[in-house]
Amino acid sequence: MTGEEAKVAALKELPVVWSNPIHGSIEYDRIVRIEYTPKDGRFIVGLALLDRNRHSVTVAPMEEVELIVLQVEKEPGVRYTAKGKG
């Protein structure tokens, strides 16, 4: 996800998916906060993601988060695909 996509998704409260290499793909209700953390002379961008039950927030690296695209008819067994991955 780019910075501009993250801003739009946060403002429109769109659902997202975090494609984590360890835990797989996890769906989240929306982005509640965009965080900039200085490290080694640059900023690391994290997205605070609200879980689908609205009980907790997880911060994920922006580059591992994508907008959820609704199921495509040609892939009936897929609940969602990440933008740009299908």
Protein backbone atom coordinates (compact mmCIF):
# COMPACT_ATOMS: atom_id res chain seq x y z
CA MET A 1 0.00 0.00 0.00
CA THR A 2 1.24 3.47 -0.80
CA GLY A 3 0.96 6.48 1.50
CA GLU A 4 -1.83 7.97 -0.61
CA GLU A 5 -3.79 4.68 -0.59
CA ALA A 6 -3.39 4.50 3.20
CA LYS A 7 -4.74 8.04 3.63
CA VAL A 8 -7.78 7.34 1.44
CA ALA A 9 -8.46 3.98 3.11
CA ALA A 10 -8.23 5.56 6.59
CA LEU A 11 -10.53 8.48 5.72
CA LYS A 12 -13.10 6.24 4.01
CA GLU A 13 -12.77 3.56 6.75
CA LEU A 14 -12.21 0.81 4.16
CA PRO A 15 -11.41 -2.78 5.22
CA VAL A 16 -7.83 -3.95 4.74
CA VAL A 17 -5.80 -7.15 4.89
CA TRP A 18 -2.33 -7.53 6.39
CA SER A 19 -0.32 -10.11 4.48
CA ASN A 20 2.11 -11.13 7.20
CA PRO A 21 4.86 -13.57 6.15
CA ILE A 22 4.61 -15.43 9.49
CA HIS A 23 0.83 -15.45 10.21
CA GLY A 24 -0.56 -15.27 6.68
CA SER A 25 -3.33 -12.89 5.60
CA ILE A 26 -5.43 -11.31 8.34
CA GLU A 27 -8.48 -9.11 7.67
CA TYR A 28 -8.97 -5.89 9.63
CA ASP A 29 -11.98 -3.60 9.94
CA ARG A 30 -10.09 -0.40 9.03
CA ILE A 31 -7.03 1.78 9.53
CA VAL A 32 -7.45 3.92 12.66
CA ARG A 33 -4.09 5.68 12.65
CA ILE A 34 -1.01 6.25 10.49
CA GLU A 35 2.22 6.31 12.50
CA TYR A 36 5.60 7.71 11.49
CA THR A 37 8.54 6.43 13.56
CA PRO A 38 12.04 7.87 13.02
CA LYS A 39 14.73 5.22 12.63
CA ASP A 40 18.25 5.43 11.17
CA GLY A 41 17.68 8.87 9.64
CA ARG A 42 14.39 8.02 7.94
CA PHE A 43 10.76 7.38 8.85
CA ILE A 44 9.18 3.95 9.10
CA VAL A 45 5.44 4.09 8.36
CA GLY A 46 3.12 1.84 10.35
CA LEU A 47 -0.64 1.48 10.08
CA ALA A 48 -2.71 0.95 13.21
CA LEU A 49 -5.34 -1.63 12.21
CA LEU A 50 -8.59 -2.20 14.11
CA ASP A 51 -9.49 -5.89 14.34
CA ARG A 52 -12.80 -7.11 12.95
CA ASN A 53 -14.29 -7.47 16.45
CA ARG A 54 -13.23 -3.89 17.24
CA HIS A 55 -11.44 -5.02 20.41
CA SER A 56 -7.79 -4.39 19.59
CA VAL A 57 -5.41 -2.46 17.40
CA THR A 58 -2.33 -3.93 15.69
CA VAL A 59 0.41 -1.87 14.05
CA ALA A 60 1.65 -3.30 10.75
CA PRO A 61 4.23 -2.08 8.23
CA MET A 62 2.47 -0.07 5.52
CA GLU A 63 4.06 -2.08 2.69
CA GLU A 64 2.47 -5.32 4.00
CA VAL A 65 -1.12 -3.95 4.08
CA GLU A 66 -3.51 -3.92 1.11
CA LEU A 67 -7.10 -2.88 0.47
CA ILE A 68 -9.58 -5.73 0.42
CA VAL A 69 -11.12 -6.37 -2.98
CA LEU A 70 -14.43 -8.21 -2.88
CA GLN A 71 -14.71 -11.74 -4.23
CA VAL A 72 -14.27 -12.07 -7.96
CA GLU A 73 -16.72 -14.39 -9.79
CA LYS A 74 -13.91 -16.14 -11.68
CA GLU A 75 -12.40 -17.21 -8.33
CA PRO A 76 -15.42 -18.53 -6.36
CA GLY A 77 -13.29 -20.14 -3.63
CA VAL A 78 -11.54 -16.86 -2.75
CA ARG A 79 -13.09 -14.66 -0.06
CA TYR A 80 -10.92 -11.69 -1.00
CA THR A 81 -7.81 -10.78 -2.89
CA ALA A 82 -5.38 -8.03 -2.06
CA LYS A 83 -5.30 -5.15 -4.54
CA GLY A 84 -2.65 -5.71 -7.16
CA LYS A 85 -2.26 -9.42 -6.36
CA GLY A 86 -4.95 -10.77 -8.70
